[in-house]
Protein backbone atom coordinates (compact mmCIF):
# COMPACT_ATOMS: atom_id res chain seq x y z
CA MET A 1 42.94 -89.50 9.72
CA GLY A 2 43.66 -85.94 10.83
CA VAL A 3 43.70 -83.05 8.40
CA ALA A 4 46.97 -81.17 8.04
CA PRO A 5 46.80 -77.45 8.74
CA ASP A 6 46.45 -75.24 5.70
CA ASP A 7 49.76 -73.39 5.30
CA SER A 8 49.02 -71.99 1.86
CA PRO A 9 50.16 -68.40 1.24
CA GLY A 10 46.63 -67.03 1.40
CA THR A 11 45.80 -68.32 4.90
CA PRO A 12 45.59 -65.89 7.87
CA SER A 13 48.39 -67.70 9.72
CA ARG A 14 50.79 -67.31 6.79
CA ALA A 15 49.76 -63.66 6.29
CA ALA A 16 50.31 -62.91 9.99
CA GLU A 17 53.67 -64.64 9.88
CA SER A 18 54.69 -62.57 6.85
CA TRP A 19 53.59 -59.35 8.55
CA PHE A 20 55.60 -60.12 11.71
CA ALA A 21 58.58 -61.12 9.59
CA ALA A 22 58.45 -57.82 7.73
CA ARG A 23 58.20 -55.89 10.98
CA TRP A 24 61.13 -57.85 12.45
CA ARG A 25 63.26 -57.10 9.39
CA ARG A 26 62.42 -53.41 9.76
CA ILE A 27 63.36 -53.43 13.46
CA ARG A 28 66.65 -55.23 12.72
CA GLY A 29 67.32 -52.64 10.01
CA VAL A 30 66.93 -49.84 12.54
CA PHE A 31 69.34 -51.35 15.08
CA ARG A 32 72.21 -52.00 12.72
CA ARG A 33 75.69 -51.46 14.16
CA GLU A 34 76.84 -49.29 11.24
CA THR A 35 73.96 -46.83 11.71
CA LEU A 36 73.43 -46.87 15.47
CA GLY A 37 76.22 -44.40 16.30
CA LYS A 38 75.09 -41.85 13.70
CA ASP A 39 71.48 -42.12 14.82
CA ALA A 40 72.52 -41.65 18.45
CA LEU A 41 74.46 -38.48 17.62
CA ALA A 42 71.68 -37.01 15.48
CA GLY A 43 69.04 -37.89 18.07
CA THR A 44 71.06 -36.30 20.88
CA ILE A 45 71.51 -33.08 18.91
CA LEU A 46 67.79 -32.92 18.05
CA GLY A 47 66.77 -33.76 21.62
CA VAL A 48 68.95 -31.08 23.21
CA GLU A 49 67.90 -28.45 20.66
CA SER A 50 64.22 -29.36 21.11
CA VAL A 51 64.16 -28.46 24.82
CA PRO A 52 64.35 -24.66 24.35
CA ASP A 53 62.33 -24.96 21.13
CA GLY A 54 59.51 -26.79 22.92
CA LEU A 55 59.39 -24.22 25.70
CA ALA A 56 59.37 -21.40 23.13
CA ILE A 57 56.50 -22.93 21.16
CA GLY A 58 54.47 -23.32 24.35
CA LEU A 59 55.17 -19.67 25.09
CA LEU A 60 54.04 -18.71 21.57
CA ALA A 61 50.80 -20.66 22.01
CA GLY A 62 50.03 -18.76 25.22
CA VAL A 63 49.90 -21.96 27.27
CA ASN A 64 52.15 -23.51 29.90
CA PRO A 65 55.54 -23.73 28.13
CA VAL A 66 55.92 -27.24 29.53
CA ALA A 67 53.00 -28.32 27.29
CA GLY A 68 55.18 -27.41 24.33
CA LEU A 69 58.01 -29.52 25.73
CA TYR A 70 55.69 -32.49 26.24
CA ALA A 71 54.37 -32.04 22.69
CA PHE A 72 57.90 -32.22 21.30
CA LEU A 73 58.66 -35.34 23.32
CA PHE A 74 55.50 -37.43 22.98
CA GLY A 75 54.37 -36.15 19.60
CA LEU A 76 57.78 -37.00 18.15
CA ALA A 77 57.84 -40.51 19.61
CA GLY A 78 54.20 -41.30 18.81
CA ALA A 79 54.35 -40.18 15.20
CA ALA A 80 57.66 -41.96 14.51
CA LEU A 81 55.85 -45.26 15.06
CA ALA A 82 53.57 -44.79 12.06
CA THR A 83 54.81 -42.21 9.53
CA SER A 84 55.91 -43.22 6.05
CA SER A 85 58.72 -40.63 6.04
CA SER A 86 61.62 -42.03 8.08
CA PHE A 87 63.00 -38.63 9.12
CA MET A 88 59.77 -36.69 9.65
CA ALA A 89 60.06 -34.99 13.04
CA VAL A 90 56.53 -34.32 14.27
CA GLN A 91 56.57 -31.49 16.78
CA ALA A 92 54.56 -28.40 17.67
CA THR A 93 55.11 -25.75 14.97
CA GLY A 94 54.85 -21.98 14.96
CA ALA A 95 51.75 -21.90 12.75
CA MET A 96 49.95 -24.45 14.90
CA ALA A 97 50.97 -22.63 18.09
CA LEU A 98 49.39 -19.43 16.77
CA ILE A 99 46.13 -21.24 16.07
CA VAL A 100 46.17 -22.57 19.64
CA SER A 101 46.80 -19.04 20.89
CA ASP A 102 43.82 -17.69 18.93
CA THR A 103 41.52 -20.47 20.15
CA ASP A 104 41.14 -18.69 23.53
CA LEU A 105 41.22 -21.78 25.71
CA GLY A 106 41.01 -19.56 28.79
CA THR A 107 37.23 -19.41 28.36
CA ARG A 108 36.91 -23.15 28.97
CA PRO A 109 36.20 -24.54 32.48
CA ASP A 110 39.53 -26.41 32.47
CA PRO A 111 41.90 -24.69 29.96
CA ASP A 112 44.70 -27.24 30.39
CA ARG A 113 42.46 -30.21 29.71
CA ALA A 114 40.89 -28.36 26.78
CA LEU A 115 44.39 -28.00 25.29
CA PHE A 116 45.05 -31.73 25.61
CA THR A 117 41.62 -32.47 24.12
CA LEU A 118 42.40 -30.15 21.22
CA ALA A 119 45.52 -32.18 20.43
CA MET A 120 43.61 -35.47 20.56
CA LEU A 121 40.77 -34.14 18.37
CA THR A 122 43.31 -32.82 15.87
CA GLY A 123 44.83 -36.29 15.78
CA VAL A 124 41.45 -37.88 15.09
CA PHE A 125 40.86 -35.53 12.14
CA MET A 126 44.33 -36.31 10.77
CA ILE A 127 43.79 -40.06 11.01
CA ILE A 128 40.41 -39.75 9.26
CA ALA A 129 42.09 -37.74 6.49
CA GLY A 130 44.72 -40.45 6.13
CA LEU A 131 42.21 -43.29 6.01
CA LEU A 132 40.23 -41.40 3.35
CA LYS A 133 43.44 -40.97 1.30
CA GLY A 134 43.31 -37.23 1.84
CA GLY A 135 46.86 -36.81 0.54
CA ARG A 136 45.37 -36.31 -2.92
CA MET A 137 43.49 -33.22 -1.76
CA LEU A 138 46.61 -31.21 -0.95
CA ARG A 139 47.22 -30.49 -4.63
CA PHE A 140 44.19 -28.19 -4.56
CA VAL A 141 45.93 -25.81 -2.13
CA PRO A 142 47.54 -23.18 -4.40
CA THR A 143 51.00 -21.80 -3.74
CA ALA A 144 49.62 -18.26 -3.50
CA VAL A 145 47.48 -19.20 -0.49
CA MET A 146 50.31 -21.02 1.28
CA VAL A 147 52.86 -18.25 0.67
CA GLY A 148 50.45 -15.63 2.00
CA PHE A 149 49.61 -17.77 5.02
CA VAL A 150 53.20 -18.74 5.90
CA THR A 151 54.40 -15.15 5.48
CA ALA A 152 51.67 -13.86 7.77
CA VAL A 153 52.48 -16.61 10.29
CA GLY A 154 56.09 -15.40 10.35
CA VAL A 155 54.95 -11.82 10.94
CA ASN A 156 52.50 -12.99 13.63
CA ILE A 157 55.25 -14.90 15.44
CA VAL A 158 57.41 -11.77 15.57
CA LEU A 159 54.54 -9.50 16.65
CA GLY A 160 53.34 -12.01 19.24
CA GLN A 161 56.68 -11.96 21.09
CA LEU A 162 57.08 -8.20 21.45
CA THR A 163 55.66 -8.30 24.98
CA ASN A 164 58.17 -10.92 26.15
CA LEU A 165 60.96 -9.14 24.31
CA THR A 166 60.29 -5.62 25.63
CA GLY A 167 58.54 -6.22 28.94
CA TYR A 168 55.65 -3.98 27.84
CA ALA A 169 52.22 -5.52 27.19
CA GLY A 170 50.69 -3.72 24.21
CA ARG A 171 46.94 -3.26 24.05
CA GLY A 172 44.69 -3.93 21.06
CA ALA A 173 42.21 -6.29 19.43
CA ASN A 174 44.88 -8.35 17.67
CA ARG A 175 48.65 -8.76 17.40
CA LEU A 176 48.96 -6.02 14.79
CA PHE A 177 47.25 -3.39 16.92
CA ARG A 178 49.12 -4.52 20.03
CA ALA A 179 52.41 -4.16 18.14
CA VAL A 180 51.51 -0.60 17.10
CA ASP A 181 50.67 0.22 20.71
CA THR A 182 53.96 -1.33 21.87
CA PHE A 183 56.10 0.82 19.60
CA ALA A 184 54.07 3.86 20.59
CA HIS A 185 55.28 3.39 24.20
CA VAL A 186 59.00 2.79 23.74
CA TRP A 187 59.81 4.64 26.98
CA LEU A 188 57.94 1.96 28.94
CA PHE A 189 60.17 -0.89 27.74
CA ASP A 190 61.95 -2.88 30.46
CA LEU A 191 65.64 -2.37 29.67
CA PRO A 192 67.07 -5.59 31.21
CA THR A 193 64.40 -7.67 29.47
CA LEU A 194 65.11 -5.97 26.15
CA ILE A 195 68.87 -6.48 26.50
CA VAL A 196 68.48 -10.20 27.21
CA GLY A 197 66.25 -10.62 24.15
CA ILE A 198 68.49 -8.67 21.79
CA VAL A 199 71.64 -10.45 23.01
CA THR A 200 69.95 -13.82 22.47
CA ILE A 201 68.88 -12.87 18.93
CA ALA A 202 72.39 -11.69 18.07
CA LEU A 203 73.96 -14.88 19.44
CA ILE A 204 71.53 -17.09 17.51
CA VAL A 205 72.30 -15.28 14.25
CA VAL A 206 76.06 -15.55 14.81
CA LEU A 207 76.40 -18.99 16.42
CA THR A 208 74.17 -20.85 13.95
CA ARG A 209 76.62 -19.80 11.21
CA THR A 210 79.53 -21.39 13.04
CA PRO A 211 80.32 -25.13 13.33
CA LEU A 212 77.85 -25.22 16.24
CA ARG A 213 74.96 -24.78 13.74
CA SER A 214 71.68 -25.73 15.46
CA LEU A 215 73.39 -26.25 18.82
CA GLY A 216 74.08 -22.51 18.65
CA LEU A 217 70.41 -22.07 19.59
CA VAL A 218 71.00 -23.91 22.86
CA VAL A 219 74.15 -21.94 23.61
CA ALA A 220 72.37 -18.65 22.88
CA ILE A 221 69.50 -19.55 25.23
CA ILE A 222 71.98 -20.52 27.98
CA VAL A 223 73.94 -17.27 27.63
CA GLY A 224 70.74 -15.19 27.50
CA SER A 225 69.38 -16.92 30.59
CA ALA A 226 72.70 -16.44 32.43
CA LEU A 227 72.54 -12.74 31.59
CA ALA A 228 68.98 -12.63 32.95
CA ALA A 229 70.16 -14.27 36.18
CA LEU A 230 72.93 -11.66 36.44
CA PHE A 231 70.41 -8.84 36.11
CA THR A 232 68.04 -10.48 38.60
CA TYR A 233 70.37 -11.58 41.39
CA VAL A 234 73.29 -9.14 41.11
CA PHE A 235 71.73 -5.87 39.96
CA ASP A 236 68.23 -6.53 41.33
CA TRP A 237 66.65 -5.94 37.90
CA PRO A 238 64.27 -8.93 37.70
CA VAL A 239 63.81 -10.67 34.36
CA LEU A 240 61.04 -13.23 33.93
CA THR A 241 61.97 -16.91 33.66
CA VAL A 242 59.96 -20.05 32.88
CA ASP A 243 59.66 -20.68 36.63
CA ASP A 244 57.77 -17.37 37.00
CA VAL A 245 55.01 -18.40 34.59
CA ALA A 246 54.79 -22.20 35.01
CA ASP A 247 55.64 -25.00 37.40
CA VAL A 248 58.28 -27.15 35.73
CA PRO A 249 57.67 -30.78 36.74
CA THR A 250 60.42 -33.11 37.89
CA GLY A 251 58.91 -36.19 36.25
CA LEU A 252 57.01 -37.34 33.18
CA PRO A 253 53.25 -36.66 33.07
CA LEU A 254 50.50 -39.16 33.78
CA PRO A 255 48.00 -39.76 30.96
CA VAL A 256 44.79 -37.74 30.86
CA LEU A 257 41.39 -38.32 29.26
CA PRO A 258 39.81 -35.81 26.85
CA SER A 259 37.11 -33.39 27.92
CA LEU A 260 34.00 -34.40 25.98
CA ASP A 261 32.22 -31.16 26.89
CA ASP A 262 34.80 -29.17 24.91
CA LEU A 263 34.56 -31.13 21.65
CA ALA A 264 32.02 -28.87 19.94
CA TYR A 265 33.95 -25.70 20.87
CA LEU A 266 37.24 -27.19 19.66
CA ALA A 267 35.98 -28.67 16.37
CA VAL A 268 36.84 -25.69 14.11
CA PRO A 269 40.31 -25.01 15.56
CA ALA A 270 41.06 -28.77 15.49
CA LEU A 271 40.08 -28.91 11.82
CA SER A 272 42.30 -25.91 11.06
CA LEU A 273 45.18 -27.41 13.02
CA ALA A 274 44.80 -30.69 11.15
CA PHE A 275 44.89 -28.92 7.80
CA VAL A 276 47.97 -26.84 8.65
CA GLY A 277 49.77 -29.83 10.13
CA LEU A 278 49.02 -31.98 7.10
CA VAL A 279 50.22 -29.34 4.65
CA GLN A 280 53.42 -28.84 6.63
CA GLY A 281 53.88 -32.61 6.83
CA ALA A 282 53.51 -32.92 3.06
CA ALA A 283 56.19 -30.24 2.65
CA VAL A 284 58.49 -32.23 4.96
CA ALA A 285 57.89 -35.44 3.00
CA ALA A 286 58.78 -33.65 -0.25
CA GLY A 287 61.80 -31.81 1.17
CA VAL A 288 63.31 -34.58 3.31
CA PRO A 289 63.18 -37.82 1.27
CA ASN A 290 63.60 -41.30 2.69
CA ALA A 291 67.08 -42.78 2.79
CA ASP A 292 66.07 -45.70 0.54
CA GLY A 293 64.72 -43.35 -2.12
CA LYS A 294 61.17 -44.67 -1.88
CA PRO A 295 58.52 -41.92 -2.14
CA ALA A 296 56.60 -41.19 1.04
CA ASP A 297 52.91 -41.98 1.31
CA ASP A 298 51.20 -38.69 2.28
CA SER A 299 48.10 -40.46 3.54
CA ARG A 300 50.14 -42.71 5.81
CA ASN A 301 52.01 -39.63 7.03
CA PHE A 302 48.61 -38.16 7.90
CA ILE A 303 47.90 -41.19 10.07
CA GLY A 304 51.33 -40.96 11.69
CA GLN A 305 50.85 -37.29 12.55
CA GLY A 306 47.41 -38.16 13.92
CA VAL A 307 48.93 -40.79 16.20
CA GLY A 308 51.51 -38.24 17.32
CA ASN A 309 48.76 -35.78 18.25
CA ILE A 310 46.79 -38.33 20.21
CA VAL A 311 49.88 -39.44 22.14
CA SER A 312 50.82 -35.79 22.74
CA GLY A 313 47.34 -34.95 24.04
CA VAL A 314 47.11 -38.02 26.25
CA PHE A 315 50.41 -37.03 27.87
CA ARG A 316 49.46 -33.36 28.35
CA GLY A 317 51.04 -31.89 25.23
CA MET A 318 49.74 -29.43 22.64
CA PRO A 319 48.92 -30.21 18.97
CA VAL A 320 51.80 -31.22 16.69
CA GLY A 321 52.59 -31.53 12.98
CA GLY A 322 55.45 -32.16 10.62
CA SER A 323 58.35 -29.77 11.35
CA MET A 324 60.59 -28.93 8.40
CA SER A 325 63.33 -27.39 10.57
CA ALA A 326 63.54 -30.35 12.96
CA SER A 327 63.39 -32.89 10.14
CA ALA A 328 66.14 -31.10 8.20
CA LEU A 329 68.24 -30.90 11.37
CA THR A 330 67.89 -34.65 11.89
CA VAL A 331 69.20 -35.40 8.40
CA ALA A 332 71.94 -32.74 8.58
CA ALA A 333 73.14 -34.25 11.89
CA GLY A 334 73.72 -37.57 10.12
CA ALA A 335 70.64 -39.67 10.98
CA ARG A 336 70.35 -42.93 9.06
CA THR A 337 67.06 -44.38 10.38
CA ARG A 338 64.01 -43.26 12.33
CA LEU A 339 65.72 -44.51 15.50
CA ALA A 340 67.22 -41.00 15.74
CA LEU A 341 63.72 -39.65 16.46
CA PHE A 342 63.19 -42.05 19.37
CA ILE A 343 66.62 -41.17 20.76
CA ALA A 344 65.73 -37.46 20.55
CA ALA A 345 62.54 -38.11 22.54
CA SER A 346 64.55 -40.08 25.10
CA VAL A 347 67.02 -37.20 25.48
CA MET A 348 64.17 -34.80 26.16
CA ALA A 349 62.76 -37.20 28.74
CA VAL A 350 66.14 -37.34 30.50
CA VAL A 351 66.35 -33.54 30.55
CA ILE A 352 62.92 -33.32 32.17
CA LEU A 353 63.81 -35.96 34.75
CA VAL A 354 67.26 -34.78 35.79
CA ALA A 355 67.50 -31.11 34.72
CA SER A 356 64.06 -29.61 35.41
CA GLY A 357 65.66 -27.07 37.74
CA ILE A 358 67.83 -25.77 34.91
CA VAL A 359 64.85 -25.67 32.54
CA SER A 360 62.95 -23.49 35.02
CA LEU A 361 65.72 -20.87 34.87
CA VAL A 362 65.39 -20.29 31.12
CA ALA A 363 64.67 -16.58 30.56
CA MET A 364 61.41 -15.65 28.85
CA PRO A 365 62.98 -12.89 26.68
CA ALA A 366 65.58 -15.42 25.53
CA LEU A 367 62.79 -17.70 24.33
CA ALA A 368 61.10 -14.68 22.73
CA GLY A 369 64.34 -13.92 20.88
CA LEU A 370 64.46 -17.48 19.58
CA LEU A 371 60.87 -17.23 18.31
CA ILE A 372 61.52 -13.89 16.62
CA VAL A 373 64.40 -15.44 14.67
CA VAL A 374 62.10 -18.34 13.69
CA GLY A 375 59.43 -15.88 12.57
CA VAL A 376 61.81 -13.82 10.45
CA LYS A 377 63.15 -16.96 8.77
CA ALA A 378 59.59 -17.96 7.83
CA ILE A 379 59.31 -14.87 5.62
CA LYS A 380 60.70 -15.78 2.19
CA PRO A 381 60.96 -12.71 -0.10
CA ALA A 382 61.95 -14.91 -3.06
CA ARG A 383 58.74 -16.95 -2.81
CA ILE A 384 56.64 -13.81 -2.46
CA LEU A 385 58.26 -12.39 -5.59
CA SER A 386 57.68 -15.61 -7.52
CA VAL A 387 53.94 -15.43 -6.75
CA VAL A 388 53.82 -11.77 -7.79
CA LYS A 389 55.40 -12.69 -11.12
CA THR A 390 52.68 -15.26 -11.87
CA GLY A 391 50.01 -12.58 -12.29
CA PRO A 392 47.54 -10.27 -10.54
CA LEU A 393 45.03 -12.99 -9.60
CA GLN A 394 47.54 -15.05 -7.64
CA SER A 395 49.03 -11.90 -6.12
CA ALA A 396 45.59 -10.77 -4.96
CA VAL A 397 44.87 -14.18 -3.38
CA MET A 398 48.23 -14.10 -1.59
CA ALA A 399 47.61 -10.55 -0.33
CA VAL A 400 44.09 -11.35 0.91
CA THR A 401 45.31 -14.50 2.69
CA PHE A 402 48.16 -12.52 4.26
CA ALA A 403 45.87 -9.72 5.47
CA LEU A 404 43.23 -12.07 6.87
CA THR A 405 45.83 -14.13 8.71
CA LEU A 406 47.08 -10.96 10.41
CA ILE A 407 43.63 -9.63 11.32
CA ILE A 408 41.34 -12.56 12.14
CA PRO A 409 41.99 -15.64 14.32
CA LEU A 410 44.17 -18.14 12.51
CA GLN A 411 41.73 -21.03 12.72
CA PHE A 412 39.30 -19.03 10.58
CA ALA A 413 42.03 -17.59 8.36
CA VAL A 414 43.08 -21.15 7.47
CA LEU A 415 39.55 -22.09 6.41
CA VAL A 416 39.17 -18.86 4.42
CA GLY A 417 42.50 -19.62 2.73
CA VAL A 418 41.22 -23.06 1.73
CA GLY A 419 38.08 -21.43 0.31
CA LEU A 420 40.20 -18.95 -1.63
CA GLY A 421 42.24 -21.83 -2.97
CA ILE A 422 39.10 -23.53 -4.28
CA ILE A 423 37.89 -20.29 -5.87
CA LEU A 424 41.30 -19.74 -7.46
CA PHE A 425 41.31 -23.30 -8.82
CA VAL A 426 37.84 -22.90 -10.37
CA ALA A 427 38.75 -19.49 -11.81
CA GLN A 428 41.97 -20.82 -13.35
CA GLN A 429 40.28 -23.88 -14.81
CA SER A 430 37.39 -21.91 -16.27
CA ASN A 431 39.68 -19.38 -17.92
CA ARG A 432 41.74 -22.12 -19.53
CA LEU A 433 38.91 -23.21 -21.84
CA ARG A 434 39.86 -22.44 -25.45
CA VAL A 435 37.96 -23.01 -28.68
CA ARG A 436 39.78 -23.83 -31.95
CA GLN A 437 38.42 -24.24 -35.47
CA LEU A 438 39.35 -27.27 -37.58
CA GLU A 439 40.23 -26.72 -41.23
CA PHE A 440 39.92 -29.74 -43.53
CA HIS A 441 42.61 -30.26 -46.18
CA PRO A 442 43.27 -32.87 -48.87
CA GLU A 443 44.47 -36.32 -47.86
CA GLY A 444 42.47 -36.07 -44.61
CA ARG A 445 44.77 -33.59 -42.88
CA LEU A 446 43.35 -31.22 -40.23
CA ARG A 447 44.64 -27.78 -39.33
CA GLU A 448 43.74 -25.84 -36.20
CA ILE A 449 43.09 -22.10 -36.52
CA ASP A 450 41.38 -19.39 -34.49
CA PRO A 451 37.60 -19.60 -34.90
CA VAL A 452 35.95 -17.15 -37.26
CA PRO A 453 34.45 -14.20 -35.36
CA VAL A 454 31.23 -14.26 -37.40
CA LEU A 455 29.62 -17.35 -38.90
CA PRO A 456 29.83 -17.05 -42.70
CA PRO A 457 26.91 -18.08 -44.97
CA HIS A 458 26.75 -21.55 -46.52
CA GLU A 459 29.78 -22.89 -44.65
CA VAL A 460 30.61 -25.82 -42.41
CA VAL A 461 32.49 -24.63 -39.30
CA VAL A 462 33.96 -27.33 -37.04
CA LEU A 463 34.86 -26.19 -33.52
CA GLN A 464 37.01 -28.08 -31.00
CA PRO A 465 36.97 -26.89 -27.35
CA TYR A 466 40.00 -27.63 -25.15
CA GLY A 467 40.17 -27.40 -21.36
CA ASN A 468 38.05 -28.03 -18.33
CA MET A 469 34.33 -27.86 -19.13
CA ALA A 470 33.18 -27.28 -15.56
CA TYR A 471 30.05 -25.20 -15.03
CA ALA A 472 32.05 -21.98 -14.48
CA SER A 473 33.56 -22.36 -17.98
CA ALA A 474 30.20 -22.13 -19.77
CA PRO A 475 30.28 -18.31 -20.23
CA VAL A 476 33.90 -18.58 -21.45
CA LEU A 477 32.86 -21.06 -24.15
CA GLU A 478 29.83 -19.00 -25.15
CA ALA A 479 31.97 -15.90 -25.66
CA GLN A 480 34.27 -17.79 -28.08
CA LEU A 481 31.53 -19.17 -30.38
CA PRO A 482 31.22 -17.41 -33.75
CA LYS A 483 28.52 -14.75 -33.69
CA VAL A 484 25.38 -15.50 -35.69
CA GLU A 485 24.09 -12.61 -37.82
CA PRO A 486 21.27 -12.32 -40.40
CA ALA A 487 23.79 -13.02 -43.15
CA SER A 488 24.85 -16.31 -41.49
CA ARG A 489 22.37 -18.41 -43.46
CA GLY A 490 22.51 -22.02 -44.53
CA SER A 491 25.53 -22.95 -42.38
CA VAL A 492 26.37 -25.81 -40.06
CA VAL A 493 28.39 -25.49 -36.85
CA ILE A 494 29.83 -28.82 -35.68
CA LEU A 495 31.01 -29.02 -32.08
CA ARG A 496 33.54 -31.80 -31.65
CA LEU A 497 33.54 -32.92 -28.01
CA ARG A 498 36.08 -35.73 -28.28
CA GLY A 499 38.04 -35.96 -25.01
CA ILE A 500 35.17 -34.39 -23.03
CA ASP A 501 33.62 -36.92 -20.65
CA GLU A 502 31.52 -34.56 -18.51
CA LEU A 503 29.08 -31.93 -19.72
CA GLY A 504 26.95 -30.04 -17.21
CA LEU A 505 23.55 -28.52 -17.84
CA SER A 506 25.16 -25.07 -17.96
CA PHE A 507 26.83 -26.06 -21.23
CA VAL A 508 23.67 -27.67 -22.56
CA ALA A 509 21.89 -24.36 -21.94
CA VAL A 510 24.64 -22.52 -23.89
CA PHE A 511 24.26 -24.94 -26.80
CA ASP A 512 20.49 -24.58 -26.64
CA ARG A 513 20.69 -20.79 -26.92
CA TYR A 514 23.23 -21.04 -29.73
CA LEU A 515 20.96 -23.45 -31.61
CA ASP A 516 18.13 -20.91 -31.26
CA ASP A 517 20.28 -18.24 -32.91
CA LEU A 518 21.32 -20.60 -35.69
CA GLU A 519 17.81 -21.81 -36.49
CA LYS A 520 16.51 -18.23 -36.68
CA ASN A 521 18.91 -17.79 -39.59
CA ASP A 522 18.29 -21.14 -41.31
CA SER A 523 21.47 -22.68 -39.90
CA THR A 524 21.96 -25.57 -37.49
CA LEU A 525 24.19 -27.19 -34.87
CA TRP A 526 25.66 -30.70 -34.99
CA PHE A 527 27.77 -32.67 -32.49
CA VAL A 528 30.56 -35.21 -32.50
CA ILE A 529 30.64 -36.84 -29.06
CA ALA A 530 32.45 -39.67 -27.26
CA GLY A 531 30.52 -41.92 -24.92
CA GLU A 532 26.99 -42.48 -23.75
CA ARG A 533 27.44 -40.14 -20.79
CA ILE A 534 27.59 -37.05 -23.01
CA ARG A 535 24.64 -38.32 -25.04
CA GLY A 536 22.67 -38.79 -21.84
CA GLN A 537 23.47 -35.25 -20.66
CA LEU A 538 22.40 -33.78 -24.02
CA GLU A 539 19.20 -35.79 -23.71
CA ALA A 540 18.62 -34.64 -20.11
CA GLY A 541 18.83 -31.02 -21.26
CA GLY A 542 16.33 -31.63 -24.10
CA LEU A 543 18.90 -30.84 -26.79
CA LEU A 544 19.11 -34.34 -28.25
CA GLU A 545 15.39 -34.31 -28.99
CA ARG A 546 15.68 -30.97 -30.79
CA LEU A 547 18.58 -32.12 -32.94
CA GLY A 548 17.50 -35.65 -33.70
CA PRO A 549 19.81 -38.68 -33.81
CA ASP A 550 21.14 -37.86 -37.31
CA ARG A 551 22.96 -34.75 -36.12
CA VAL A 552 24.88 -36.37 -33.25
CA TYR A 553 27.87 -38.49 -34.32
CA GLU A 554 29.62 -40.98 -32.06
CA SER A 555 33.43 -41.07 -32.06
CA SER A 556 35.16 -44.37 -32.67
CA GLU A 557 38.61 -45.71 -31.91
CA TRP A 558 39.78 -44.20 -35.20
CA VAL A 559 40.75 -40.63 -34.45
CA GLY A 560 39.12 -38.21 -36.90
CA GLU A 561 36.82 -40.76 -38.54
CA ALA A 562 33.59 -39.42 -37.01
CA VAL A 563 34.40 -35.74 -37.55
CA HIS A 564 35.29 -36.36 -41.21
CA ARG A 565 31.99 -38.16 -41.71
CA ALA A 566 30.09 -35.36 -39.99
CA HIS A 567 31.93 -32.77 -42.11
CA GLU A 568 31.00 -34.56 -45.35
CA ASP A 569 27.33 -34.93 -44.36
CA ALA A 570 27.17 -31.29 -43.25
CA GLY A 571 28.68 -30.21 -46.58
CA GLU A 572 25.91 -32.05 -48.40
CA TRP A 573 23.32 -30.38 -46.13
CA VAL A 574 24.75 -26.93 -47.01
CA ARG A 575 24.81 -27.66 -50.77
CA GLN A 576 21.15 -28.66 -50.71
CA ARG A 577 20.20 -25.26 -49.24
CA ARG A 578 22.14 -23.01 -51.59
C-alpha cells in the first residue's frame, strides 16, 4: 500500500505553496483596476522629473551624468522589488553624490568601472546591515549630528555647482576655498552661462509653486536649455551641454562585473555611502508611511536599498539610497501601490531609448541651477534653531559636524559624525545618573530627598542611584556620594541597586574607595542588590569578600522588603556602636 503525501501545514510543500500564494495576492493587489490609473500617472510624473534630476546628480558627483540617470532608473526598479516601504523611491541623492565626488575615482585605472564597483559594494554593506537587523542602530545617531551633516551637505551642493553656474573654475583645496576664489574673480564669469543658470533657478522657484509643482523642474530645465541653444547657435556664445561632457547612449547599458582590485580602496567610501543611504532611507520610511498603515521594517528597507545599489552598479549606475523628495513626489502625485515606481523606471527607459538626442542638449548651467535649488532647500533654519535650543553640547556637536563636512572629504566626515554621535550618547547617559536618599517613615512609607552633603554620625543613610551606570558614569556617582569626615563615625551607608542589572569594575572601584573612607571613620557600606550578576561583579572586584555576605541583601519580588530589612539591621548595628 502506498503512503499518501504529507500535506500537513508544516511540510515544505505546504510552506512553499503558502509563500507563492502570498506573493500572488500581493501581485494581484498591485495590478488592481481601481489603482492602476493613479499609479500610471504618478509613475509618469516621477519618471519624467527624474531624467533631469538624474543627470544633475551625476554632474554633482563629478562623473558621467548618464551614470546618475542609470542610477535613478535601475536603482529605483531594483529596490522596489524588496523594500518594506511601498513608496520608497531609491535614487542617487545629493549627499551620496558628494561622497562619490570626494572619493576621487579618477586615480583608479578604470574610473567608470570603479564607480560601478562602488555602488555594488555599497549594496553589499547595506544588505549585511539589513540581515544583522541594523535598523536598531540608527537610534544612536543623534539629531545634532544629522542636522549638522545635512546642513553642510546643502552648502556643499551649492558651492560645488558654482563652476557650472558661472563658467569660472575656482581653485582651492576644497569646495569652500574654491568658492572664495570664484567670488574673488567675478569679472571672469561667463555671462551667457550665468544667465542660463539664474533664469533656470528663477523658473524653478516660480513654477514649482504653480499647479505644475514638480513638473515645473522639467519645464525650467527645458527653457534654460533652449536659452543656452539660443546663445550658442544664434549669438555664437557657447554654453556647455551634457553632450559636451559625456556621450549620451541611445540604448540601455549592458551589465558589467565589479573590479576586484578596487575593493580595498573603495571600502571606506562604500561604508560611508551605506550609512548615509540607510539614514536617509529610515527618514523616508518615517515620513512616507505605507498605504495600509503597517509600519515599515527598517532592516528590510536596508536590504531593498542594497539590492537597488547592486542592480544600479551592475547596469553602470552610481550608488543610490532612499530619496525623501522623490518618495514624497510619488505620494503627492497620487500613487497607490509600488507599481508607480516600476512605471517611473519604465518612463526613464523610454526617454533614454527614444529621446537621447534631446537629453544630450540639456544645458549644464541649467542642471547646476537645479542642484543649487536642491542644496538651498536642504538647509533648514528651524531644525538648526531647535538643536541650538537643546543646549551647548548638542550645538557644539552640530557645529563640529558641519565644519568637518565642509572641510574634509565627506566619506570621512560621515564616520567622524558617527563617532561624535557615540561620544554624545555616552556623555548624555553618564550625566543623567542621579543619586537620591530614601527617608523611612511610619507605616513603611518611603520618601525621596536630596542626599545629605556630609555623612552624619550614628545614622543610616540609604542611597538610590537612578540612570545609566555605564563606566563613564562612575565619576558622576562618586561626586554625589555624601562626603565622609572625621565626625562621620558609627554610620551605615546602604546603596540600593534595585533596577541595576550591570555594574562595571569602574563602579566597584568607586565603592571600594568609598568603603575605605567609611572604615577609617568606624563606618561601613552595605548593599541591596537584584540578581546574581551584580553579586558576581562585586565578587570579581573583591568587594564582596571585604563586606561579607551579611552586608549584601538580595531583593525579592516584594518591592521595598529587602531595603526595609537592611535598614532595620543597619539601625541595630548603629545602636550597638553608640
